[in-house]
PDB file of N, CA and C in Angstrom:
ATOM      1  N   MET A   1      96.873 122.574  64.452  1.00  0.00           N
ATOM      2  CA  MET A   1      97.796 121.673  65.125  1.00  0.00           C
ATOM      3  C   MET A   1      97.557 121.737  66.639  1.00  0.00           C
ATOM      4  N   SER A   2      97.456 120.599  67.251  1.00  0.00           N
ATOM      5  CA  SER A   2      97.204 120.521  68.688  1.00  0.00           C
ATOM      6  C   SER A   2      98.480 120.808  69.469  1.00  0.00           C
ATOM      7  N   GLU A   3      98.293 121.465  70.591  1.00  0.00           N
ATOM      8  CA  GLU A   3      99.401 121.775  71.482  1.00  0.00           C
ATOM      9  C   GLU A   3      99.458 120.722  72.588  1.00  0.00           C
ATOM     10  N   PHE A   4     100.678 120.275  72.877  1.00  0.00           N
ATOM     11  CA  PHE A   4     100.875 119.346  73.979  1.00  0.00           C
ATOM     12  C   PHE A   4     102.283 119.539  74.513  1.00  0.00           C
ATOM     13  N   ASP A   5     102.403 119.559  75.828  1.00  0.00           N
ATOM     14  CA  ASP A   5     103.714 119.655  76.460  1.00  0.00           C
ATOM     15  C   ASP A   5     103.701 118.747  77.684  1.00  0.00           C
ATOM     16  N   TRP A   6     104.872 118.326  78.115  1.00  0.00           N
ATOM     17  CA  TRP A   6     105.003 117.418  79.257  1.00  0.00           C
ATOM     18  C   TRP A   6     106.217 117.831  80.067  1.00  0.00           C
ATOM     19  N   GLN A   7     106.030 117.954  81.341  1.00  0.00           N
ATOM     20  CA  GLN A   7     107.137 118.197  82.264  1.00  0.00           C
ATOM     21  C   GLN A   7     107.089 117.102  83.324  1.00  0.00           C
ATOM     22  N   LEU A   8     108.261 116.683  83.776  1.00  0.00           N
ATOM     23  CA  LEU A   8     108.347 115.688  84.844  1.00  0.00           C
ATOM     24  C   LEU A   8     109.260 116.260  85.910  1.00  0.00           C
ATOM     25  N   ARG A   9     108.770 116.248  87.157  1.00  0.00           N
ATOM     26  CA  ARG A   9     109.579 116.775  88.250  1.00  0.00           C
ATOM     27  C   ARG A   9     109.470 115.849  89.449  1.00  0.00           C
ATOM     28  N   GLU A  10     110.427 115.974  90.339  1.00  0.00           N
ATOM     29  CA  GLU A  10     110.422 115.213  91.577  1.00  0.00           C
ATOM     30  C   GLU A  10     109.912 116.133  92.675  1.00  0.00           C
ATOM     31  N   ALA A  11     109.018 115.626  93.497  1.00  0.00           N
ATOM     32  CA  ALA A  11     108.470 116.430  94.597  1.00  0.00           C
ATOM     33  C   ALA A  11     108.174 115.515  95.784  1.00  0.00           C
ATOM     34  N   GLY A  12     108.920 115.675  96.827  1.00  0.00           N
ATOM     35  CA  GLY A  12     108.654 114.919  98.054  1.00  0.00           C
ATOM     36  C   GLY A  12     108.721 113.413  97.868  1.00  0.00           C
ATOM     37  N   GLY A  13     109.670 112.942  97.100  1.00  0.00           N
ATOM     38  CA  GLY A  13     109.827 111.505  96.877  1.00  0.00           C
ATOM     39  C   GLY A  13     108.880 110.932  95.836  1.00  0.00           C
ATOM     40  N   ARG A  14     108.082 111.791  95.215  1.00  0.00           N
ATOM     41  CA  ARG A  14     107.169 111.346  94.159  1.00  0.00           C
ATOM     42  C   ARG A  14     107.604 111.950  92.840  1.00  0.00           C
ATOM     43  N   LEU A  15     107.263 111.301  91.760  1.00  0.00           N
ATOM     44  CA  LEU A  15     107.424 111.898  90.438  1.00  0.00           C
ATOM     45  C   LEU A  15     106.090 112.516  90.060  1.00  0.00           C
ATOM     46  N   VAL A  16     106.131 113.742  89.573  1.00  0.00           N
ATOM     47  CA  VAL A  16     104.914 114.432  89.164  1.00  0.00           C
ATOM     48  C   VAL A  16     105.020 114.748  87.675  1.00  0.00           C
ATOM     49  N   GLY A  17     104.153 114.112  86.893  1.00  0.00           N
ATOM     50  CA  GLY A  17     104.079 114.385  85.464  1.00  0.00           C
ATOM     51  C   GLY A  17     103.033 115.453  85.219  1.00  0.00           C
ATOM     52  N   GLU A  18     103.389 116.429  84.388  1.00  0.00           N
ATOM     53  CA  GLU A  18     102.495 117.552  84.143  1.00  0.00           C
ATOM     54  C   GLU A  18     102.218 117.708  82.655  1.00  0.00           C
ATOM     55  N   PRO A  19     101.192 116.998  82.153  1.00  0.00           N
ATOM     56  CA  PRO A  19     100.810 117.228  80.758  1.00  0.00           C
ATOM     57  C   PRO A  19     100.089 118.566  80.632  1.00  0.00           C
ATOM     58  N   ARG A  20     100.300 119.241  79.516  1.00  0.00           N
ATOM     59  CA  ARG A  20      99.662 120.538  79.266  1.00  0.00           C
ATOM     60  C   ARG A  20      99.069 120.538  77.865  1.00  0.00           C
ATOM     61  N   GLY A  21      97.892 121.124  77.730  1.00  0.00           N
ATOM     62  CA  GLY A  21      97.272 121.256  76.412  1.00  0.00           C
ATOM     63  C   GLY A  21      96.195 120.222  76.191  1.00  0.00           C
ATOM     64  N   ARG A  22      96.336 119.496  75.082  1.00  0.00           N
ATOM     65  CA  ARG A  22      95.321 118.519  74.677  1.00  0.00           C
ATOM     66  C   ARG A  22      95.973 117.174  74.360  1.00  0.00           C
ATOM     67  N   VAL A  23      95.277 116.107  74.733  1.00  0.00           N
ATOM     68  CA  VAL A  23      95.671 114.767  74.284  1.00  0.00           C
ATOM     69  C   VAL A  23      94.587 114.332  73.306  1.00  0.00           C
ATOM     70  N   ASP A  24      94.951 114.276  72.034  1.00  0.00           N
ATOM     71  CA  ASP A  24      93.988 113.947  70.982  1.00  0.00           C
ATOM     72  C   ASP A  24      94.691 113.153  69.884  1.00  0.00           C
ATOM     73  N   GLU A  25      94.085 113.086  68.727  1.00  0.00           N
ATOM     74  CA  GLU A  25      94.644 112.292  67.621  1.00  0.00           C
ATOM     75  C   GLU A  25      96.065 112.721  67.247  1.00  0.00           C
ATOM     76  N   ALA A  26      96.358 114.007  67.393  1.00  0.00           N
ATOM     77  CA  ALA A  26      97.669 114.524  66.985  1.00  0.00           C
ATOM     78  C   ALA A  26      98.737 114.370  68.067  1.00  0.00           C
ATOM     79  N   THR A  27      98.334 114.185  69.322  1.00  0.00           N
ATOM     80  CA  THR A  27      99.314 114.227  70.412  1.00  0.00           C
ATOM     81  C   THR A  27      99.376 112.973  71.277  1.00  0.00           C
ATOM     82  N   TRP A  28      98.483 112.028  71.066  1.00  0.00           N
ATOM     83  CA  TRP A  28      98.413 110.889  71.985  1.00  0.00           C
ATOM     84  C   TRP A  28      99.697 110.056  71.982  1.00  0.00           C
ATOM     85  N   GLU A  29     100.388 109.960  70.835  1.00  0.00           N
ATOM     86  CA  GLU A  29     101.600 109.149  70.807  1.00  0.00           C
ATOM     87  C   GLU A  29     102.691 109.767  71.682  1.00  0.00           C
ATOM     88  N   ARG A  30     102.806 111.092  71.638  1.00  0.00           N
ATOM     89  CA  ARG A  30     103.791 111.760  72.498  1.00  0.00           C
ATOM     90  C   ARG A  30     103.413 111.589  73.966  1.00  0.00           C
ATOM     91  N   PHE A  31     102.122 111.703  74.276  1.00  0.00           N
ATOM     92  CA  PHE A  31     101.650 111.474  75.643  1.00  0.00           C
ATOM     93  C   PHE A  31     102.012 110.060  76.088  1.00  0.00           C
ATOM     94  N   SER A  32     101.820 109.088  75.217  1.00  0.00           N
ATOM     95  CA  SER A  32     102.131 107.704  75.535  1.00  0.00           C
ATOM     96  C   SER A  32     103.623 107.530  75.837  1.00  0.00           C
ATOM     97  N   GLU A  33     104.466 108.073  74.973  1.00  0.00           N
ATOM     98  CA  GLU A  33     105.917 107.935  75.164  1.00  0.00           C
ATOM     99  C   GLU A  33     106.354 108.554  76.490  1.00  0.00           C
ATOM    100  N   THR A  34     105.877 109.755  76.776  1.00  0.00           N
ATOM    101  CA  THR A  34     106.319 110.454  77.982  1.00  0.00           C
ATOM    102  C   THR A  34     105.746 109.811  79.246  1.00  0.00           C
ATOM    103  N   LEU A  35     104.510 109.364  79.196  1.00  0.00           N
ATOM    104  CA  LEU A  35     103.898 108.760  80.383  1.00  0.00           C
ATOM    105  C   LEU A  35     104.520 107.398  80.689  1.00  0.00           C
ATOM    106  N   VAL A  36     104.729 106.575  79.688  1.00  0.00           N
ATOM    107  CA  VAL A  36     105.341 105.262  79.918  1.00  0.00           C
ATOM    108  C   VAL A  36     106.777 105.427  80.417  1.00  0.00           C
ATOM    109  N   ALA A  37     107.511 106.402  79.870  1.00  0.00           N
ATOM    110  CA  ALA A  37     108.870 106.677  80.364  1.00  0.00           C
ATOM    111  C   ALA A  37     108.834 107.097  81.829  1.00  0.00           C
ATOM    112  N   ALA A  38     107.843 107.888  82.216  1.00  0.00           N
ATOM    113  CA  ALA A  38     107.702 108.314  83.613  1.00  0.00           C
ATOM    114  C   ALA A  38     107.388 107.127  84.514  1.00  0.00           C
ATOM    115  N   VAL A  39     106.533 106.215  84.050  1.00  0.00           N
ATOM    116  CA  VAL A  39     106.223 105.007  84.825  1.00  0.00           C
ATOM    117  C   VAL A  39     107.497 104.186  85.035  1.00  0.00           C
ATOM    118  N   ARG A  40     108.289 104.037  83.990  1.00  0.00           N
ATOM    119  CA  ARG A  40     109.537 103.251  84.100  1.00  0.00           C
ATOM    120  C   ARG A  40     110.517 103.924  85.051  1.00  0.00           C
ATOM    121  N   GLN A  41     110.603 105.257  84.995  1.00  0.00           N
ATOM    122  CA  GLN A  41     111.483 105.985  85.907  1.00  0.00           C
ATOM    123  C   GLN A  41     111.005 105.828  87.345  1.00  0.00           C
ATOM    124  N   ALA A  42     109.701 105.913  87.562  1.00  0.00           N
ATOM    125  CA  ALA A  42     109.144 105.726  88.907  1.00  0.00           C
ATOM    126  C   ALA A  42     109.433 104.319  89.417  1.00  0.00           C
ATOM    127  N   ALA A  43     109.303 103.330  88.545  1.00  0.00           N
ATOM    128  CA  ALA A  43     109.577 101.947  88.942  1.00  0.00           C
ATOM    129  C   ALA A  43     111.049 101.775  89.322  1.00  0.00           C
ATOM    130  N   ALA A  44     111.933 102.417  88.575  1.00  0.00           N
ATOM    131  CA  ALA A  44     113.370 102.299  88.831  1.00  0.00           C
ATOM    132  C   ALA A  44     113.769 102.945  90.150  1.00  0.00           C
ATOM    133  N   THR A  45     113.039 103.964  90.561  1.00  0.00           N
ATOM    134  CA  THR A  45     113.390 104.687  91.789  1.00  0.00           C
ATOM    135  C   THR A  45     112.482 104.345  92.963  1.00  0.00           C
ATOM    136  N   GLY A  46     111.454 103.524  92.724  1.00  0.00           N
ATOM    137  CA  GLY A  46     110.520 103.166  93.786  1.00  0.00           C
ATOM    138  C   GLY A  46     109.580 104.287  94.177  1.00  0.00           C
ATOM    139  N   ALA A  47     109.348 105.206  93.258  1.00  0.00           N
ATOM    140  CA  ALA A  47     108.511 106.373  93.550  1.00  0.00           C
ATOM    141  C   ALA A  47     107.081 106.168  93.075  1.00  0.00           C
ATOM    142  N   GLU A  48     106.175 106.894  93.722  1.00  0.00           N
ATOM    143  CA  GLU A  48     104.796 106.993  93.238  1.00  0.00           C
ATOM    144  C   GLU A  48     104.784 107.981  92.077  1.00  0.00           C
ATOM    145  N   LEU A  49     103.878 107.778  91.135  1.00  0.00           N
ATOM    146  CA  LEU A  49     103.718 108.703  90.020  1.00  0.00           C
ATOM    147  C   LEU A  49     102.381 109.430  90.168  1.00  0.00           C
ATOM    148  N   VAL A  50     102.445 110.747  90.153  1.00  0.00           N
ATOM    149  CA  VAL A  50     101.245 111.574  90.184  1.00  0.00           C
ATOM    150  C   VAL A  50     101.168 112.289  88.843  1.00  0.00           C
ATOM    151  N   VAL A  51     100.040 112.146  88.156  1.00  0.00           N
ATOM    152  CA  VAL A  51      99.836 112.847  86.892  1.00  0.00           C
ATOM    153  C   VAL A  51      98.935 114.042  87.189  1.00  0.00           C
ATOM    154  N   ASP A  52      99.528 115.226  87.105  1.00  0.00           N
ATOM    155  CA  ASP A  52      98.821 116.474  87.395  1.00  0.00           C
ATOM    156  C   ASP A  52      98.038 116.884  86.149  1.00  0.00           C
ATOM    157  N   LEU A  53      96.720 116.699  86.198  1.00  0.00           N
ATOM    158  CA  LEU A  53      95.863 116.972  85.038  1.00  0.00           C
ATOM    159  C   LEU A  53      95.400 118.425  84.960  1.00  0.00           C
ATOM    160  N   SER A  54      95.862 119.273  85.873  1.00  0.00           N
ATOM    161  CA  SER A  54      95.344 120.643  85.930  1.00  0.00           C
ATOM    162  C   SER A  54      95.615 121.442  84.653  1.00  0.00           C
ATOM    163  N   GLY A  55      96.657 121.105  83.916  1.00  0.00           N
ATOM    164  CA  GLY A  55      96.973 121.837  82.688  1.00  0.00           C
ATOM    165  C   GLY A  55      96.436 121.191  81.431  1.00  0.00           C
ATOM    166  N   LEU A  56      95.646 120.129  81.600  1.00  0.00           N
ATOM    167  CA  LEU A  56      95.109 119.406  80.449  1.00  0.00           C
ATOM    168  C   LEU A  56      93.705 119.902  80.141  1.00  0.00           C
ATOM    169  N   ASP A  57      93.537 120.412  78.929  1.00  0.00           N
ATOM    170  CA  ASP A  57      92.238 120.945  78.518  1.00  0.00           C
ATOM    171  C   ASP A  57      91.286 119.862  78.041  1.00  0.00           C
ATOM    172  N   TYR A  58      91.835 118.796  77.466  1.00  0.00           N
ATOM    173  CA  TYR A  58      90.999 117.792  76.795  1.00  0.00           C
ATOM    174  C   TYR A  58      91.779 116.496  76.695  1.00  0.00           C
ATOM    175  N   MET A  59      91.065 115.374  76.761  1.00  0.00           N
ATOM    176  CA  MET A  59      91.664 114.065  76.529  1.00  0.00           C
ATOM    177  C   MET A  59      90.672 113.218  75.740  1.00  0.00           C
ATOM    178  N   SER A  60      91.107 112.740  74.593  1.00  0.00           N
ATOM    179  CA  SER A  60      90.269 111.879  73.765  1.00  0.00           C
ATOM    180  C   SER A  60      90.336 110.441  74.273  1.00  0.00           C
ATOM    181  N   SER A  61      89.600 109.560  73.626  1.00  0.00           N
ATOM    182  CA  SER A  61      89.634 108.141  73.991  1.00  0.00           C
ATOM    183  C   SER A  61      91.030 107.556  73.809  1.00  0.00           C
ATOM    184  N   ARG A  62      91.802 108.108  72.872  1.00  0.00           N
ATOM    185  CA  ARG A  62      93.195 107.645  72.707  1.00  0.00           C
ATOM    186  C   ARG A  62      94.008 107.937  73.969  1.00  0.00           C
ATOM    187  N   GLY A  63      93.763 109.093  74.569  1.00  0.00           N
ATOM    188  CA  GLY A  63      94.448 109.435  75.812  1.00  0.00           C
ATOM    189  C   GLY A  63      94.077 108.501  76.939  1.00  0.00           C
ATOM    190  N   LEU A  64      92.803 108.134  77.008  1.00  0.00           N
ATOM    191  CA  LEU A  64      92.375 107.154  78.016  1.00  0.00           C
ATOM    192  C   LEU A  64      93.064 105.819  77.786  1.00  0.00           C
ATOM    193  N   ARG A  65      93.213 105.438  76.526  1.00  0.00           N
ATOM    194  CA  ARG A  65      93.918 104.193  76.225  1.00  0.00           C
ATOM    195  C   ARG A  65      95.364 104.256  76.717  1.00  0.00           C
ATOM    196  N   VAL A  66      95.991 105.432  76.562  1.00  0.00           N
ATOM    197  CA  VAL A  66      97.358 105.617  77.055  1.00  0.00           C
ATOM    198  C   VAL A  66      97.398 105.420  78.574  1.00  0.00           C
ATOM    199  N   LEU A  67      96.407 105.929  79.293  1.00  0.00           N
ATOM    200  CA  LEU A  67      96.351 105.712  80.740  1.00  0.00           C
ATOM    201  C   LEU A  67      96.273 104.220  81.064  1.00  0.00           C
ATOM    202  N   THR A  68      95.505 103.479  80.279  1.00  0.00           N
ATOM    203  CA  THR A  68      95.398 102.031  80.467  1.00  0.00           C
ATOM    204  C   THR A  68      96.755 101.359  80.258  1.00  0.00           C
ATOM    205  N   ILE A  69      97.448 101.753  79.219  1.00  0.00           N
ATOM    206  CA  ILE A  69      98.781 101.194  78.929  1.00  0.00           C
ATOM    207  C   ILE A  69      99.738 101.502  80.076  1.00  0.00           C
ATOM    208  N   ALA A  70      99.695 102.736  80.580  1.00  0.00           N
ATOM    209  CA  ALA A  70     100.568 103.126  81.690  1.00  0.00           C
ATOM    210  C   ALA A  70     100.254 102.305  82.933  1.00  0.00           C
ATOM    211  N   LYS A  71      98.968 102.105  83.200  1.00  0.00           N
ATOM    212  CA  LYS A  71      98.554 101.317  84.366  1.00  0.00           C
ATOM    213  C   LYS A  71      99.067  99.878  84.245  1.00  0.00           C
ATOM    214  N   ARG A  72      98.970  99.321  83.050  1.00  0.00           N
ATOM    215  CA  ARG A  72      99.471  97.965  82.808  1.00  0.00           C
ATOM    216  C   ARG A  72     100.982  97.916  83.005  1.00  0.00           C
ATOM    217  N   GLU A  73     101.683  98.917  82.487  1.00  0.00           N
ATOM    218  CA  GLU A  73     103.140  98.994  82.623  1.00  0.00           C
ATOM    219  C   GLU A  73     103.531  99.121  84.105  1.00  0.00           C
ATOM    220  N   ALA A  74     102.773  99.884  84.857  1.00  0.00           N
ATOM    221  CA  ALA A  74     103.071 100.119  86.275  1.00  0.00           C
ATOM    222  C   ALA A  74     102.843  98.874  87.116  1.00  0.00           C
ATOM    223  N   GLY A  75     101.830  98.094  86.748  1.00  0.00           N
ATOM    224  CA  GLY A  75     101.495  96.907  87.532  1.00  0.00           C
ATOM    225  C   GLY A  75     101.266  97.269  88.987  1.00  0.00           C
ATOM    226  N   GLU A  76     101.755  96.429  89.878  1.00  0.00           N
ATOM    227  CA  GLU A  76     101.626  96.698  91.309  1.00  0.00           C
ATOM    228  C   GLU A  76     102.803  97.518  91.821  1.00  0.00           C
ATOM    229  N   ALA A  77     103.833  97.681  91.000  1.00  0.00           N
ATOM    230  CA  ALA A  77     105.073  98.314  91.451  1.00  0.00           C
ATOM    231  C   ALA A  77     104.965  99.824  91.607  1.00  0.00           C
ATOM    232  N   VAL A  78     104.155 100.467  90.764  1.00  0.00           N
ATOM    233  CA  VAL A  78     104.096 101.929  90.762  1.00  0.00           C
ATOM    234  C   VAL A  78     102.659 102.405  90.958  1.00  0.00           C
ATOM    235  N   PRO A  79     102.361 102.977  92.117  1.00  0.00           N
ATOM    236  CA  PRO A  79     101.037 103.581  92.278  1.00  0.00           C
ATOM    237  C   PRO A  79     100.936 104.833  91.399  1.00  0.00           C
ATOM    238  N   ILE A  80      99.829 104.972  90.685  1.00  0.00           N
ATOM    239  CA  ILE A  80      99.598 106.144  89.835  1.00  0.00           C
ATOM    240  C   ILE A  80      98.341 106.848  90.330  1.00  0.00           C
ATOM    241  N   SER A  81      98.476 108.141  90.615  1.00  0.00           N
ATOM    242  CA  SER A  81      97.333 108.976  90.976  1.00  0.00           C
ATOM    243  C   SER A  81      97.122 110.014  89.893  1.00  0.00           C
ATOM    244  N   LEU A  82      95.871 110.361  89.668  1.00  0.00           N
ATOM    245  CA  LEU A  82      95.519 111.436  88.745  1.00  0.00           C
ATOM    246  C   LEU A  82      95.051 112.605  89.607  1.00  0.00           C
ATOM    247  N   ALA A  83      95.709 113.765  89.447  1.00  0.00           N
ATOM    248  CA  ALA A  83      95.444 114.898  90.330  1.00  0.00           C
ATOM    249  C   ALA A  83      94.874 116.085  89.572  1.00  0.00           C
ATOM    250  N   ALA A  84      93.996 116.796  90.238  1.00  0.00           N
ATOM    251  CA  ALA A  84      93.492 118.105  89.814  1.00  0.00           C
ATOM    252  C   ALA A  84      92.854 118.145  88.425  1.00  0.00           C
ATOM    253  N   PRO A  85      91.990 117.164  88.105  1.00  0.00           N
ATOM    254  CA  PRO A  85      91.320 117.271  86.805  1.00  0.00           C
ATOM    255  C   PRO A  85      90.314 118.426  86.812  1.00  0.00           C
ATOM    256  N   ASN A  86      90.194 119.110  85.669  1.00  0.00           N
ATOM    257  CA  ASN A  86      89.170 120.153  85.561  1.00  0.00           C
ATOM    258  C   ASN A  86      87.800 119.460  85.489  1.00  0.00           C
ATOM    259  N   PRO A  87      86.701 120.195  85.590  1.00  0.00           N
ATOM    260  CA  PRO A  87      85.375 119.546  85.601  1.00  0.00           C
ATOM    261  C   PRO A  87      85.125 118.649  84.378  1.00  0.00           C
ATOM    262  N   GLN A  88      85.559 119.075  83.191  1.00  0.00           N
ATOM    263  CA  GLN A  88      85.368 118.256  81.988  1.00  0.00           C
ATOM    264  C   GLN A  88      86.172 116.961  82.079  1.00  0.00           C
ATOM    265  N   MET A  89      87.426 117.067  82.518  1.00  0.00           N
ATOM    266  CA  MET A  89      88.255 115.867  82.655  1.00  0.00           C
ATOM    267  C   MET A  89      87.694 114.942  83.735  1.00  0.00           C
ATOM    268  N   ARG A  90      87.216 115.507  84.832  1.00  0.00           N
ATOM    269  CA  ARG A  90      86.643 114.681  85.905  1.00  0.00           C
ATOM    270  C   ARG A  90      85.433 113.903  85.371  1.00  0.00           C
ATOM    271  N   GLU A  91      84.604 114.575  84.561  1.00  0.00           N
ATOM    272  CA  GLU A  91      83.445 113.909  83.971  1.00  0.00           C
ATOM    273  C   GLU A  91      83.881 112.788  83.028  1.00  0.00           C
ATOM    274  N   ILE A  92      84.895 113.038  82.208  1.00  0.00           N
ATOM    275  CA  ILE A  92      85.422 112.008  81.302  1.00  0.00           C
ATOM    276  C   ILE A  92      85.900 110.811  82.112  1.00  0.00           C
ATOM    277  N   LEU A  93      86.627 111.062  83.206  1.00  0.00           N
ATOM    278  CA  LEU A  93      87.131 109.972  84.046  1.00  0.00           C
ATOM    279  C   LEU A  93      85.984 109.194  84.689  1.00  0.00           C
ATOM    280  N   GLN A  94      84.914 109.893  85.095  1.00  0.00           N
ATOM    281  CA  GLN A  94      83.771 109.211  85.713  1.00  0.00           C
ATOM    282  C   GLN A  94      83.000 108.383  84.692  1.00  0.00           C
ATOM    283  N   ILE A  95      82.714 108.977  83.534  1.00  0.00           N
ATOM    284  CA  ILE A  95      81.943 108.265  82.506  1.00  0.00           C
ATOM    285  C   ILE A  95      82.676 107.006  82.049  1.00  0.00           C
ATOM    286  N   SER A  96      83.986 107.117  81.894  1.00  0.00           N
ATOM    287  CA  SER A  96      84.787 105.990  81.414  1.00  0.00           C
ATOM    288  C   SER A  96      85.137 105.012  82.549  1.00  0.00           C
ATOM    289  N   ARG A  97      84.762 105.390  83.786  1.00  0.00           N
ATOM    290  CA  ARG A  97      85.039 104.600  84.984  1.00  0.00           C
ATOM    291  C   ARG A  97      86.523 104.523  85.320  1.00  0.00           C
ATOM    292  N   TYR A  98      87.303 105.435  84.775  1.00  0.00           N
ATOM    293  CA  TYR A  98      88.726 105.500  85.109  1.00  0.00           C
ATOM    294  C   TYR A  98      88.936 105.991  86.530  1.00  0.00           C
ATOM    295  N   ASP A  99      87.903 106.612  87.117  1.00  0.00           N
ATOM    296  CA  ASP A  99      87.993 106.998  88.524  1.00  0.00           C
ATOM    297  C   ASP A  99      87.948 105.765  89.430  1.00  0.00           C
ATOM    298  N   LYS A 100      87.610 104.607  88.873  1.00  0.00           N
ATOM    299  CA  LYS A 100      87.665 103.342  89.621  1.00  0.00           C
ATOM    300  C   LYS A 100      89.023 102.657  89.430  1.00  0.00           C
ATOM    301  N   LEU A 101      89.667 102.924  88.300  1.00  0.00           N
ATOM    302  CA  LEU A 101      90.956 102.310  87.962  1.00  0.00           C
ATOM    303  C   LEU A 101      92.120 103.058  88.608  1.00  0.00           C
ATOM    304  N   PHE A 102      91.969 104.380  88.764  1.00  0.00           N
ATOM    305  CA  PHE A 102      93.006 105.233  89.322  1.00  0.00           C
ATOM    306  C   PHE A 102      92.469 105.969  90.545  1.00  0.00           C
ATOM    307  N   THR A 103      93.376 106.338  91.440  1.00  0.00           N
ATOM    308  CA  THR A 103      93.028 107.252  92.511  1.00  0.00           C
ATOM    309  C   THR A 103      92.979 108.646  91.905  1.00  0.00           C
ATOM    310  N   VAL A 104      91.850 109.332  92.037  1.00  0.00           N
ATOM    311  CA  VAL A 104      91.694 110.690  91.515  1.00  0.00           C
ATOM    312  C   VAL A 104      91.565 111.623  92.706  1.00  0.00           C
ATOM    313  N   VAL A 105      92.459 112.616  92.771  1.00  0.00           N
ATOM    314  CA  VAL A 105      92.494 113.550  93.908  1.00  0.00           C
ATOM    315  C   VAL A 105      92.381 114.990  93.404  1.00  0.00           C
ATOM    316  N   ASP A 106      92.006 115.888  94.309  1.00  0.00           N
ATOM    317  CA  ASP A 106      91.753 117.270  93.926  1.00  0.00           C
ATOM    318  C   ASP A 106      93.018 118.085  93.673  1.00  0.00           C
ATOM    319  N   SER A 107      94.150 117.654  94.234  1.00  0.00           N
ATOM    320  CA  SER A 107      95.390 118.406  94.036  1.00  0.00           C
ATOM    321  C   SER A 107      96.580 117.463  94.121  1.00  0.00           C
ATOM    322  N   VAL A 108      97.718 117.910  93.603  1.00  0.00           N
ATOM    323  CA  VAL A 108      98.940 117.109  93.685  1.00  0.00           C
ATOM    324  C   VAL A 108      99.291 116.860  95.144  1.00  0.00           C
ATOM    325  N   ASP A 109      99.107 117.862  95.996  1.00  0.00           N
ATOM    326  CA  ASP A 109      99.433 117.712  97.415  1.00  0.00           C
ATOM    327  C   ASP A 109      98.551 116.681  98.108  1.00  0.00           C
ATOM    328  N   ALA A 110      97.331 116.449  97.579  1.00  0.00           N
ATOM    329  CA  ALA A 110      96.414 115.487  98.187  1.00  0.00           C
ATOM    330  C   ALA A 110      96.759 114.043  97.817  1.00  0.00           C
ATOM    331  N   ALA A 111      97.599 113.863  96.808  1.00  0.00           N
ATOM    332  CA  ALA A 111      98.003 112.505  96.407  1.00  0.00           C
ATOM    333  C   ALA A 111      98.894 111.921  97.492  1.00  0.00           C
ATOM    334  N   SER A 112      98.625 110.675  97.839  1.00  0.00           N
ATOM    335  CA  SER A 112      99.402 110.061  98.929  1.00  0.00           C
ATOM    336  C   SER A 112     100.781 109.657  98.487  1.00  0.00           C
TER     337      SER A 112
END
C-alpha cells in the first residue's frame, strides 16, 4: 500500500501544500482532491499556492495529470509554484515539460 499525506499551511500570505510520500495509482485521487481544494482556498483568499515537493518521493503520470487539473482550476487567479523537488522529481518535471507550465524553485522561501 502506498503512503501519501498532505498538509496545508499558511506562510507569509501564501498557502503551502506539502504532499508527502508517493503519488501513484493508489494515491493520485487523494492528491487530486487535496490539491484542487487548496487551489480553491487560495482563490478564495487571493493567495499564491506553493506546492512543496521536498517530501514527495515519486510522482506517476497520474500525478502529473493532477497538476494539469490544478493549473486549469487555478486559471489566472492563482499562481502555483512547485518548490524543492528532489533530483528525480526535477527530472520528471523537465522531461514532461512541466517546468515550462509551472514556476519551479529550489525552496519554499524562493517562491515569489
